[in-house]
Amino acid sequence: YRQSHSLTADLPAEEPETDDVVPVIICASEERTGATMATINSIISNTDSSVFFYIVTLRDAVKIARFVTVFSFKSRMKAFLTPFRIQVSLGYIEKTKLKGIQYKILEFNPMVLRGKVKPDSSRPDLLHPLNFVRFYLPLLGISHRRVIYVDDDVIVQGDIKDLYNIKLKAGHAAAFASDCDLPSTHEMVRSIGMQTTYMGFLDYRKQEVKDLAINPNHCSFNPGVFVAEIKEWKKQKITKQLERWMEENFRQNIYSSAMAGGVATPPMLIVFHDKYTALDPLWHVRHLGWSPDARYAESFLQGAHLLHWNGPFKPWNYPAVHSDLWERWFISDPSGRFTLTRPA
């Protein structure tokens, strides 16, 4: 890893431990690196705070910087970090306006998911190993008391420090946005048939689900953006709980990608049911990627602090809605590998 904006850039930088720094975790797959960089650009462009990015990737994407810290697993719940240098070509960070950001790159080992995830999705991208990094936050070797996790199809229009400073209720390990929280999104949800309750994510025909005693009409939440209290996460053994439900689904099919559109959301819905703090709805305006036609009012989006193109219609592809709001933060890939898909 390195802190780029430095005369001693070839020396590894120590990650900050102060609360004055906003730590942000984001994943970067090789095929969507440009999306990650747009998210990072939007964050640093809208805050005066010091932000430290933990960019989690797989081995195929380490070309985006010179130094990498491997994130691997010794055993089921035990992790270790092996710092070493891999000389790779200069990339997105070092040859663009992002060269001044503070960051560390972590390599995620997908072997930790063996026996927990089935290849049964109609959208293979939802089974990408990086979708499960959010389950393993305490094992990333991060020293901060709390962190922000964001998906790579997100644009931040507000000051990220305001999100970082929200107050979590006692005993809560995380803060999410409820799927029933924002009246302005209800019409969008109805028009695209988006699921907003537990019924859309869990198979209530299965006894394991019935035994949870969760009302199927209870509002779900979206785990694509959240604030996590690391100490409380560890105390409650959240990672172990999430793994338990992944393994249960592997055996019993208690949820499916056919119902939920993915397999990373249901275990979080189970583990955090009635145990999370609700985010301000404007800090997670979502569903922008669920339809190539359904749009929000521009005035509403201008006032949103964070936009999320969750769904199959991503703003770097075509067709997509409100792609102009995403593209203003896009940075061209110096290598030319990541390009926008646009009509002639």
Foldseek 3Di string as FASTA:
>chain_A
DFQQPDPVGVDHDDDDADPQEAEEEEEAEQQQNLLQQLQVLLQVVAAPTAYEYEYEYAPVRPQADFWAWEWDAPDLQATDIDGDTDGHHHWDCCPDPNSRHHYHYYYDDLVSCPLQDDCDAPDNVQVPSVLQVVLVVLSRPDNYQKHKYAYSLKGFNHHVVVQQPDDKDPLFFKEFAWLPPDPLCPVVCVVLVADFFQLLWFDVVDPVVVVLVDDRRHGFTDPNIMMGRNVSCVVVVSSVQLSVVSNVCSVVVGGDCVRNVHDSRVSVRSSCPVRHHYDDCLAEAECQQRDLPDDGPPVSVVPRRMYGNPHDRGLLEPRGPPVVVSVVSGDQIPVNSHHGHDDD
